[in-house]
N, C-alpha and C. Protein backbone atom coordinates (compact mmCIF):
# COMPACT_ATOMS: atom_id res chain seq x y z
N MET A 1 -30.72 -9.40 39.34
CA MET A 1 -29.94 -9.12 39.19
C MET A 1 -29.22 -10.19 37.36
N LYS A 2 -30.40 -10.58 37.25
CA LYS A 2 -30.19 -11.54 36.24
C LYS A 2 -30.87 -10.38 35.52
N LYS A 3 -31.69 -9.58 35.25
CA LYS A 3 -31.99 -8.54 34.55
C LYS A 3 -30.93 -7.35 34.23
N LYS A 4 -29.39 -7.36 34.74
CA LYS A 4 -28.48 -6.69 34.75
C LYS A 4 -27.67 -7.47 34.03
N HIS A 5 -27.57 -8.91 34.15
CA HIS A 5 -26.61 -9.88 33.14
C HIS A 5 -27.21 -10.03 32.00
N PHE A 6 -28.28 -9.97 31.67
CA PHE A 6 -28.86 -10.11 30.57
C PHE A 6 -28.56 -9.09 29.64
N PHE A 7 -28.78 -7.84 30.82
CA PHE A 7 -28.49 -6.13 29.87
C PHE A 7 -26.52 -6.53 29.18
N LEU A 8 -26.19 -6.69 30.31
CA LEU A 8 -25.00 -6.82 29.97
C LEU A 8 -24.17 -7.39 29.04
N ILE A 9 -25.07 -8.80 28.49
CA ILE A 9 -24.65 -9.49 27.48
C ILE A 9 -25.01 -8.89 26.20
N SER A 10 -25.78 -8.23 26.63
CA SER A 10 -26.97 -8.34 25.39
C SER A 10 -25.97 -6.61 24.70
N ILE A 11 -25.85 -5.87 25.21
CA ILE A 11 -24.93 -4.50 25.00
C ILE A 11 -23.67 -5.04 24.66
N LEU A 12 -23.05 -6.26 25.28
CA LEU A 12 -21.61 -6.92 24.25
C LEU A 12 -22.08 -7.65 23.00
N LEU A 13 -23.01 -8.44 22.78
CA LEU A 13 -23.32 -8.53 21.46
C LEU A 13 -23.68 -7.89 20.32
N ILE A 14 -24.55 -6.54 20.73
CA ILE A 14 -24.90 -5.96 19.75
C ILE A 14 -23.10 -4.89 19.73
N SER A 15 -22.81 -4.79 20.49
CA SER A 15 -21.34 -4.13 20.28
C SER A 15 -20.32 -5.22 19.36
N LEU A 16 -20.46 -6.44 19.20
CA LEU A 16 -19.91 -7.31 18.48
C LEU A 16 -20.36 -7.65 17.38
N ILE A 17 -21.66 -7.39 17.06
CA ILE A 17 -22.50 -7.21 15.68
C ILE A 17 -22.37 -6.04 15.14
N ASN A 18 -21.88 -4.72 15.43
CA ASN A 18 -21.90 -3.61 15.05
C ASN A 18 -20.64 -3.47 14.35
N TYR A 19 -19.63 -3.90 15.41
CA TYR A 19 -18.13 -4.01 14.98
C TYR A 19 -18.37 -4.52 13.73
N SER A 20 -18.28 -5.96 13.39
CA SER A 20 -18.67 -6.55 12.14
C SER A 20 -19.39 -6.09 10.74
N GLN A 21 -19.88 -4.90 11.60
CA GLN A 21 -20.65 -4.39 9.78
C GLN A 21 -19.97 -3.76 8.55
N GLU A 22 -18.90 -3.23 9.30
CA GLU A 22 -17.46 -2.59 8.32
C GLU A 22 -17.53 -3.32 6.76
N ILE A 23 -17.59 -2.42 5.85
CA ILE A 23 -17.91 -3.57 4.42
C ILE A 23 -16.78 -2.58 3.81
N ILE A 24 -16.33 -3.13 2.60
CA ILE A 24 -15.86 -2.29 1.80
C ILE A 24 -16.74 -3.35 0.32
N ASN A 25 -16.61 -2.67 -0.37
CA ASN A 25 -17.43 -3.12 -1.89
C ASN A 25 -16.42 -2.76 -2.76
N PHE A 26 -16.40 -4.15 -3.21
CA PHE A 26 -15.30 -4.27 -4.54
C PHE A 26 -15.17 -4.95 -5.91
N LYS A 27 -15.43 -4.12 -6.96
CA LYS A 27 -15.71 -5.04 -8.24
C LYS A 27 -17.14 -6.01 -7.85
N GLY A 28 -18.11 -4.80 -7.00
CA GLY A 28 -19.26 -5.39 -7.24
C GLY A 28 -19.87 -6.69 -5.97
N LYS A 29 -18.46 -6.43 -5.49
CA LYS A 29 -18.71 -7.87 -4.34
C LYS A 29 -18.48 -7.28 -2.70
N ASN A 30 -19.19 -7.59 -1.64
CA ASN A 30 -18.67 -6.62 -0.36
C ASN A 30 -18.36 -7.50 0.06
N TYR A 31 -17.13 -7.14 0.89
CA TYR A 31 -16.37 -8.14 2.08
C TYR A 31 -16.30 -7.29 2.92
N ASN A 32 -16.13 -7.94 4.43
CA ASN A 32 -16.30 -7.70 6.05
C ASN A 32 -14.90 -6.99 5.70
N ALA A 33 -14.32 -6.06 6.98
CA ALA A 33 -13.75 -4.93 6.65
C ALA A 33 -13.17 -4.50 7.78
N THR A 34 -11.81 -3.95 8.43
CA THR A 34 -11.99 -3.25 9.64
C THR A 34 -12.74 -1.42 9.80
N PRO A 35 -12.76 -1.55 10.44
CA PRO A 35 -13.34 0.19 10.72
C PRO A 35 -12.11 0.94 9.74
N ILE A 36 -12.55 1.85 9.68
CA ILE A 36 -11.25 3.06 9.05
C ILE A 36 -10.53 3.31 10.19
N TRP A 37 -9.31 3.48 9.54
CA TRP A 37 -8.22 3.96 10.31
C TRP A 37 -7.82 5.30 9.74
N ASN A 38 -7.79 6.65 10.74
CA ASN A 38 -7.62 7.73 10.04
C ASN A 38 -5.55 8.01 10.25
N PHE A 39 -4.94 8.02 9.15
CA PHE A 39 -3.10 8.12 9.70
C PHE A 39 -3.26 9.72 9.19
N TYR A 40 -2.35 10.17 9.70
CA TYR A 40 -2.02 11.58 9.88
C TYR A 40 -1.21 11.91 8.83
N CYS A 41 -1.21 12.82 7.62
CA CYS A 41 0.03 13.16 6.86
C CYS A 41 0.19 14.48 6.92
N GLU A 42 1.17 14.53 7.85
CA GLU A 42 1.97 16.09 7.82
C GLU A 42 2.34 16.83 6.68
N ASP A 43 3.12 16.15 5.39
CA ASP A 43 3.16 16.56 4.13
C ASP A 43 2.70 17.29 2.99
N TYR A 44 1.27 16.88 3.26
CA TYR A 44 0.27 16.81 1.86
C TYR A 44 -0.44 18.12 2.36
N ALA A 45 -0.40 18.63 1.65
CA ALA A 45 -1.07 20.41 1.79
C ALA A 45 -2.88 19.85 1.98
N TYR A 46 -2.53 19.52 0.96
CA TYR A 46 -4.52 19.49 0.82
C TYR A 46 -5.24 18.84 1.93
N SER A 47 -4.77 17.61 2.21
CA SER A 47 -5.56 16.88 3.10
C SER A 47 -4.89 16.06 4.31
N SER A 48 -4.56 16.36 5.22
CA SER A 48 -4.06 15.58 6.20
C SER A 48 -4.06 14.24 6.64
N ASP A 49 -5.21 13.54 6.04
CA ASP A 49 -5.72 12.60 6.61
C ASP A 49 -5.94 11.56 5.41
N LEU A 50 -5.10 10.10 5.51
CA LEU A 50 -5.44 9.55 4.98
C LEU A 50 -6.15 7.89 5.03
N LYS A 51 -7.19 7.72 4.88
CA LYS A 51 -7.95 6.61 5.52
C LYS A 51 -7.84 5.48 4.55
N VAL A 52 -7.53 4.54 6.04
CA VAL A 52 -6.62 3.03 5.91
C VAL A 52 -8.18 2.32 5.88
N GLN A 53 -8.06 1.39 4.84
CA GLN A 53 -8.83 -0.08 5.52
C GLN A 53 -8.82 -1.46 5.09
N ILE A 54 -8.90 -2.30 5.73
CA ILE A 54 -8.22 -3.94 4.94
C ILE A 54 -9.48 -4.93 5.47
N ALA A 55 -9.94 -5.25 4.33
CA ALA A 55 -11.03 -6.39 3.87
C ALA A 55 -10.57 -7.68 3.82
N LYS A 56 -11.26 -8.33 4.56
CA LYS A 56 -11.30 -9.96 3.88
C LYS A 56 -11.37 -10.91 2.83
N THR A 57 -10.37 -11.59 2.16
CA THR A 57 -11.00 -11.80 1.52
C THR A 57 -10.86 -13.35 0.98
N GLU A 58 -11.31 -14.05 0.18
CA GLU A 58 -10.95 -15.62 -0.03
C GLU A 58 -9.72 -16.00 -0.27
N ASN A 59 -8.66 -14.99 -0.44
CA ASN A 59 -7.17 -15.41 -0.80
C ASN A 59 -5.96 -14.15 0.26
N GLY A 60 -6.83 -13.82 1.15
CA GLY A 60 -5.62 -12.74 1.85
C GLY A 60 -6.66 -11.35 2.53
N GLY A 61 -6.37 -10.40 1.65
CA GLY A 61 -7.10 -9.68 1.83
C GLY A 61 -7.08 -7.78 1.09
N ILE A 62 -7.61 -7.25 1.29
CA ILE A 62 -7.47 -5.94 -0.06
C ILE A 62 -6.93 -4.36 1.16
N LEU A 63 -6.25 -3.99 1.09
CA LEU A 63 -5.91 -2.64 1.28
C LEU A 63 -6.83 -1.61 0.62
N LYS A 64 -7.40 -1.06 1.57
CA LYS A 64 -7.96 0.44 0.59
C LYS A 64 -7.73 1.96 1.12
N LEU A 65 -6.90 2.18 0.59
CA LEU A 65 -6.20 3.86 0.73
C LEU A 65 -7.23 4.82 0.31
N SER A 66 -7.48 6.00 0.74
CA SER A 66 -8.42 6.82 0.35
C SER A 66 -8.02 8.47 0.92
N ILE A 67 -7.81 9.14 0.03
CA ILE A 67 -7.27 10.80 0.77
C ILE A 67 -8.05 11.42 -0.28
N GLU A 68 -8.25 12.78 0.07
CA GLU A 68 -9.02 13.75 -0.95
C GLU A 68 -7.76 14.84 -1.57
N THR A 69 -8.21 15.19 -2.54
CA THR A 69 -7.45 15.41 -3.70
C THR A 69 -7.98 16.74 -4.31
N SER A 70 -7.40 17.70 -4.58
CA SER A 70 -7.44 18.58 -5.12
C SER A 70 -8.02 18.68 -6.78
N SER A 71 -7.88 17.71 -7.64
CA SER A 71 -8.45 17.57 -8.66
C SER A 71 -8.68 15.85 -8.85
N GLU A 72 -9.63 15.58 -9.81
CA GLU A 72 -10.07 14.36 -10.41
C GLU A 72 -9.46 13.68 -11.10
N ASN A 73 -8.02 14.12 -11.47
CA ASN A 73 -7.12 13.52 -12.10
C ASN A 73 -5.99 12.82 -11.20
N LEU A 74 -6.01 13.49 -9.66
CA LEU A 74 -5.00 12.98 -8.59
C LEU A 74 -5.54 11.79 -8.01
N PHE A 75 -4.80 11.22 -7.70
CA PHE A 75 -4.99 9.75 -6.65
C PHE A 75 -3.81 8.93 -6.49
N ILE A 76 -4.17 8.12 -5.65
CA ILE A 76 -2.54 7.36 -4.97
C ILE A 76 -2.25 6.24 -5.49
N GLY A 77 -1.08 6.33 -6.09
CA GLY A 77 -0.49 5.41 -7.22
C GLY A 77 1.13 4.75 -7.00
N ASP A 78 1.01 3.81 -7.67
CA ASP A 78 2.54 3.50 -7.80
C ASP A 78 2.63 2.29 -6.41
N LYS A 79 3.73 2.13 -6.11
CA LYS A 79 3.83 1.34 -5.11
C LYS A 79 3.92 1.91 -3.65
N ILE A 80 3.00 1.56 -2.58
CA ILE A 80 3.17 2.13 -0.97
C ILE A 80 4.13 0.94 -0.60
N LEU A 81 4.49 1.28 0.50
CA LEU A 81 5.40 0.98 1.24
C LEU A 81 4.50 0.51 2.71
N ILE A 82 4.13 -0.16 3.59
CA ILE A 82 3.56 -0.28 5.11
C ILE A 82 5.07 -0.85 6.01
N VAL A 83 4.99 0.40 6.87
CA VAL A 83 6.04 0.01 8.29
C VAL A 83 5.68 -0.48 9.14
N LEU A 84 6.01 -1.26 9.62
CA LEU A 84 5.49 -1.89 10.86
C LEU A 84 6.29 -1.74 12.11
N LYS A 85 5.57 -1.68 13.24
CA LYS A 85 6.45 -1.37 14.45
C LYS A 85 7.11 -2.27 14.49
N ASP A 86 7.68 -3.69 14.13
CA ASP A 86 9.06 -4.23 14.42
C ASP A 86 10.05 -4.22 13.43
N GLY A 87 9.84 -2.62 12.79
CA GLY A 87 10.76 -2.14 11.49
C GLY A 87 10.35 -3.13 10.18
N SER A 88 9.55 -4.14 10.06
CA SER A 88 9.66 -4.91 9.14
C SER A 88 8.73 -4.12 7.84
N LEU A 89 8.78 -4.44 6.26
CA LEU A 89 7.66 -3.67 5.65
C LEU A 89 7.05 -4.40 4.44
N ILE A 90 6.08 -4.33 4.32
CA ILE A 90 5.20 -4.49 3.57
C ILE A 90 5.10 -3.94 1.86
N TYR A 91 5.53 -4.23 1.04
CA TYR A 91 5.48 -3.36 -0.23
C TYR A 91 4.29 -4.12 -0.99
N CYS A 92 3.36 -3.41 -1.18
CA CYS A 92 2.56 -3.28 -2.71
C CYS A 92 2.42 -2.59 -3.77
N GLY A 93 2.22 -3.84 -4.75
CA GLY A 93 2.37 -3.07 -6.07
C GLY A 93 0.95 -2.41 -6.30
N ASP A 94 0.91 -1.54 -7.61
CA ASP A 94 -0.35 -0.81 -8.06
C ASP A 94 -1.04 -1.24 -9.22
N LYS A 95 -2.43 -2.14 -8.58
CA LYS A 95 -3.00 -3.20 -9.75
C LYS A 95 -3.99 -2.00 -10.88
N LYS A 96 -3.77 -0.54 -10.45
CA LYS A 96 -4.42 0.09 -11.29
C LYS A 96 -6.09 0.22 -11.19
N ILE A 97 -6.28 -0.13 -9.73
CA ILE A 97 -7.54 0.13 -9.19
C ILE A 97 -8.04 0.76 -8.64
N TYR A 98 -8.89 1.69 -8.93
CA TYR A 98 -8.94 3.30 -8.77
C TYR A 98 -10.80 3.56 -8.31
N GLN A 99 -10.77 4.24 -7.25
CA GLN A 99 -12.13 5.20 -7.38
C GLN A 99 -12.40 6.26 -6.94
N ASN A 100 -13.59 7.07 -7.13
CA ASN A 100 -13.29 8.79 -7.29
C ASN A 100 -14.95 8.55 -6.64
N PHE A 101 -14.75 9.11 -5.37
CA PHE A 101 -15.77 9.27 -4.48
C PHE A 101 -15.87 10.78 -4.33
N GLY A 102 -16.01 11.50 -5.93
CA GLY A 102 -15.92 13.30 -5.80
C GLY A 102 -14.61 13.54 -5.04
N LYS A 103 -14.35 14.74 -4.20
CA LYS A 103 -12.73 14.78 -3.98
C LYS A 103 -12.26 13.55 -3.25
N GLU A 104 -12.97 13.09 -2.38
CA GLU A 104 -11.96 11.51 -2.06
C GLU A 104 -11.53 10.68 -3.12
N LYS A 105 -10.28 10.32 -3.56
CA LYS A 105 -10.33 9.51 -4.44
C LYS A 105 -9.23 7.61 -3.50
N ALA A 106 -9.94 6.79 -3.88
CA ALA A 106 -9.77 5.30 -3.39
C ALA A 106 -8.49 4.42 -4.04
N THR A 107 -7.69 3.63 -3.82
CA THR A 107 -6.68 3.13 -4.60
C THR A 107 -6.76 2.02 -4.10
N TYR A 108 -6.60 0.76 -4.08
CA TYR A 108 -6.84 -0.87 -3.76
C TYR A 108 -5.85 -1.53 -4.19
N TYR A 109 -4.98 -2.14 -3.33
CA TYR A 109 -4.36 -3.22 -3.10
C TYR A 109 -4.37 -4.12 -2.55
N PHE A 110 -3.44 -5.72 -3.00
CA PHE A 110 -3.98 -6.89 -2.43
C PHE A 110 -2.93 -7.24 -1.54
N LEU A 111 -3.38 -7.80 -0.82
CA LEU A 111 -2.46 -8.52 0.54
C LEU A 111 -2.57 -10.16 0.57
N THR A 112 -1.00 -10.56 0.74
CA THR A 112 -1.41 -11.77 0.47
C THR A 112 -1.61 -12.93 1.79
N ASN A 113 -1.91 -13.71 2.59
CA ASN A 113 -1.97 -14.45 3.64
C ASN A 113 -0.50 -14.28 4.41
N LEU A 114 0.49 -14.27 3.97
CA LEU A 114 1.40 -14.04 4.64
C LEU A 114 1.54 -12.73 5.26
N GLU A 115 1.31 -11.46 4.45
CA GLU A 115 0.98 -10.33 4.68
C GLU A 115 0.06 -10.01 5.54
N ILE A 116 -1.10 -10.76 5.74
CA ILE A 116 -2.36 -10.81 6.87
C ILE A 116 -1.34 -11.00 8.03
N ASN A 117 -1.04 -12.02 8.39
CA ASN A 117 -0.51 -12.74 9.36
C ASN A 117 0.73 -11.90 9.92
N LYS A 118 1.43 -11.20 9.01
CA LYS A 118 2.59 -9.74 9.70
C LYS A 118 1.58 -8.79 10.16
N LEU A 119 0.48 -8.46 9.71
CA LEU A 119 -0.17 -7.16 10.31
C LEU A 119 -1.28 -7.97 11.33
N LYS A 120 -1.77 -8.76 11.54
CA LYS A 120 -2.05 -9.68 12.78
C LYS A 120 -1.46 -9.72 13.79
N THR A 121 -0.42 -9.64 13.44
CA THR A 121 1.19 -9.43 14.81
C THR A 121 1.76 -8.01 15.12
N PHE A 122 1.86 -7.52 14.49
CA PHE A 122 2.69 -6.17 14.29
C PHE A 122 1.61 -4.72 13.81
N GLU A 123 1.45 -3.82 14.79
CA GLU A 123 0.98 -2.73 14.31
C GLU A 123 1.30 -1.88 12.88
N ILE A 124 0.50 -1.21 12.19
CA ILE A 124 1.18 -0.48 11.21
C ILE A 124 1.52 1.28 12.18
N GLU A 125 2.76 1.12 11.66
CA GLU A 125 3.59 2.76 12.17
C GLU A 125 3.15 3.58 11.24
N ASN A 126 3.45 2.98 10.18
CA ASN A 126 3.00 4.43 8.66
C ASN A 126 2.89 4.08 7.72
N ILE A 127 2.47 4.53 6.58
CA ILE A 127 2.60 4.52 5.26
C ILE A 127 2.95 5.22 4.35
N ARG A 128 4.04 4.49 3.32
CA ARG A 128 4.60 5.71 2.73
C ARG A 128 4.47 5.35 1.05
N PHE A 129 3.33 6.24 0.51
CA PHE A 129 2.38 6.71 -0.79
C PHE A 129 2.80 7.76 -1.65
N GLN A 130 2.51 7.57 -2.97
CA GLN A 130 2.89 8.89 -3.78
C GLN A 130 1.23 9.42 -4.46
N ILE A 131 1.49 10.66 -4.46
CA ILE A 131 -0.25 11.48 -5.42
C ILE A 131 0.82 11.32 -6.77
N ILE A 132 -0.24 10.47 -7.82
CA ILE A 132 0.12 10.47 -9.42
C ILE A 132 -1.10 11.64 -9.83
N GLY A 133 -0.49 12.36 -10.89
CA GLY A 133 -1.81 12.77 -12.09
C GLY A 133 -1.59 12.34 -13.00
N LYS A 134 -3.05 12.10 -13.80
CA LYS A 134 -3.10 11.65 -15.49
C LYS A 134 -3.15 13.28 -16.23
N GLU A 135 -3.39 14.19 -15.73
CA GLU A 135 -3.52 15.58 -16.74
C GLU A 135 -2.51 15.24 -18.29
N THR A 136 -1.63 15.30 -17.56
CA THR A 136 -0.49 15.14 -18.86
C THR A 136 0.71 14.72 -18.53
N LYS A 137 1.64 14.22 -19.34
CA LYS A 137 2.77 13.60 -18.98
C LYS A 137 4.09 14.09 -18.12
N PHE A 138 3.66 15.52 -17.80
CA PHE A 138 4.28 16.12 -17.16
C PHE A 138 3.83 16.08 -15.54
N SER A 139 2.60 15.80 -15.63
CA SER A 139 1.83 15.72 -14.22
C SER A 139 2.00 14.58 -13.45
N SER A 140 2.53 13.70 -13.73
CA SER A 140 1.96 12.07 -13.50
C SER A 140 2.48 12.02 -11.97
N LYS A 141 3.82 12.45 -11.44
CA LYS A 141 3.91 12.18 -9.78
C LYS A 141 4.26 13.48 -9.44
N THR A 142 3.45 13.88 -8.43
CA THR A 142 3.48 14.73 -7.66
C THR A 142 3.67 15.16 -6.72
N GLY A 143 3.94 13.98 -5.25
CA GLY A 143 4.82 13.88 -4.61
C GLY A 143 4.69 12.68 -4.00
N TYR A 144 5.57 12.42 -2.96
CA TYR A 144 6.02 11.21 -1.93
C TYR A 144 5.58 11.91 -0.49
N PHE A 145 4.59 11.07 0.21
CA PHE A 145 4.37 11.26 1.24
C PHE A 145 4.43 9.90 2.41
N LEU A 146 4.13 10.44 3.16
CA LEU A 146 4.15 9.63 5.09
C LEU A 146 3.22 9.67 5.54
N ALA A 147 2.23 8.54 5.78
CA ALA A 147 1.00 8.70 6.76
C ALA A 147 1.11 8.00 7.75
N SER A 148 1.78 8.50 9.21
CA SER A 148 1.36 7.90 10.60
C SER A 148 0.38 7.98 11.29
N LYS A 149 0.39 7.06 12.32
CA LYS A 149 -0.64 6.86 13.31
C LYS A 149 -0.86 8.39 14.39
N LYS A 150 0.33 9.15 14.10
CA LYS A 150 0.16 10.36 15.07
C LYS A 150 -0.36 11.65 14.74
N VAL A 151 -1.10 12.18 15.77
CA VAL A 151 -1.92 12.94 15.82
C VAL A 151 -1.57 14.09 16.35
N ILE A 152 -0.74 15.28 15.32
CA ILE A 152 -0.55 16.78 16.00
C ILE A 152 -1.30 17.55 16.35
N TYR A 153 -1.40 18.12 17.59
CA TYR A 153 -2.22 18.73 18.46
C TYR A 153 -1.66 20.49 18.27
N ASN A 154 -0.75 20.15 18.29
CA ASN A 154 0.47 21.67 18.15
C ASN A 154 1.92 21.20 18.36
N GLU A 155 2.31 22.27 18.03
CA GLU A 155 4.31 21.83 17.47
C GLU A 155 4.77 21.21 18.40
N GLU A 156 4.56 21.69 19.90
CA GLU A 156 5.26 21.47 21.19
C GLU A 156 4.37 19.50 21.61
N SER A 157 3.03 19.49 21.32
CA SER A 157 3.49 18.11 21.86
C SER A 157 2.26 16.95 21.00
N GLU A 158 2.95 15.83 21.20
CA GLU A 158 2.27 14.75 20.05
C GLU A 158 1.06 14.35 21.06
N LYS A 159 -0.13 13.38 20.19
CA LYS A 159 -0.53 12.23 21.02
C LYS A 159 -0.84 11.23 19.85
N LYS A 160 -0.63 10.22 20.37
CA LYS A 160 -0.90 8.76 19.66
C LYS A 160 -2.60 8.52 19.39
N ASP A 161 -2.76 8.11 18.03
CA ASP A 161 -4.06 8.14 18.21
C ASP A 161 -4.37 6.63 18.17
N SER A 162 -5.88 6.41 18.08
CA SER A 162 -6.03 5.10 19.10
C SER A 162 -6.16 3.86 18.21
N VAL A 163 -5.94 3.81 17.23
CA VAL A 163 -5.75 2.91 16.11
C VAL A 163 -4.93 1.87 16.18
N ASN A 164 -5.31 0.70 16.62
CA ASN A 164 -5.10 -0.56 16.85
C ASN A 164 -5.07 -1.58 15.76
N SER A 165 -4.24 -1.45 14.83
CA SER A 165 -4.54 -2.25 13.67
C SER A 165 -4.55 -3.71 13.82
N SER A 166 -3.65 -4.31 14.25
CA SER A 166 -3.24 -5.67 14.42
C SER A 166 -4.74 -6.01 15.58
N LEU A 167 -4.85 -5.55 16.26
CA LEU A 167 -6.05 -6.29 16.93
C LEU A 167 -7.48 -6.37 16.36
N ASP A 168 -7.40 -5.18 15.14
CA ASP A 168 -8.44 -4.83 14.32
C ASP A 168 -8.48 -6.13 13.55
N ILE A 169 -7.65 -6.35 12.92
CA ILE A 169 -6.97 -7.61 11.91
C ILE A 169 -7.58 -8.97 12.66
N LYS A 170 -6.74 -8.89 13.55
CA LYS A 170 -7.14 -10.68 14.23
C LYS A 170 -8.58 -10.59 14.33
N LEU A 171 -9.58 -9.36 14.97
CA LEU A 171 -10.70 -9.65 14.92
C LEU A 171 -11.26 -10.06 13.47
N LEU A 172 -10.75 -9.36 12.67
CA LEU A 172 -11.77 -9.76 11.08
C LEU A 172 -11.73 -11.30 11.03
N PHE A 173 -10.11 -11.32 10.84
CA PHE A 173 -9.92 -12.84 10.14
C PHE A 173 -10.20 -13.77 11.18
N LYS A 174 -10.61 -13.59 12.56
CA LYS A 174 -11.11 -14.66 12.98
C LYS A 174 -12.10 -15.25 12.20
N LYS A 175 -13.18 -14.42 11.98
CA LYS A 175 -14.54 -14.80 11.17
C LYS A 175 -14.79 -15.91 10.01
């Protein structure tokens, strides 16, 4: 009986330790982060997955958005809008902090403590963003896109993804 309890407690501790292993490396420093959430982007033809992750910093948080693009000169840019389940909005301004991982491009936004507290309370429903180019002055904005938690399997049925952003953020900022 004691072995069963020890085994269950060990599994629980290992799960918690593994949960906290998510990291974002930002400007040469590692920050604890949430798991990566995949948001579905129906209107972006090149890739349907927007990867979303939040890291804990000394002054709030860092939001990392990444998506595959067809060109190394395309990336997520300008302002983004985070829509929460209660209908409230969080605007994030572009600080022009980009990272290139081959076809996948990442853009970083800063979150204040007040915004983190909102994210702890309410689920992220969707994120509105733009893909921007920097090849010529005529290719700067390529489109506005909406990424949501919905995963569409076919035209008749939809299934909600298992993203629980507020719980993940609560667990991260508890540490």
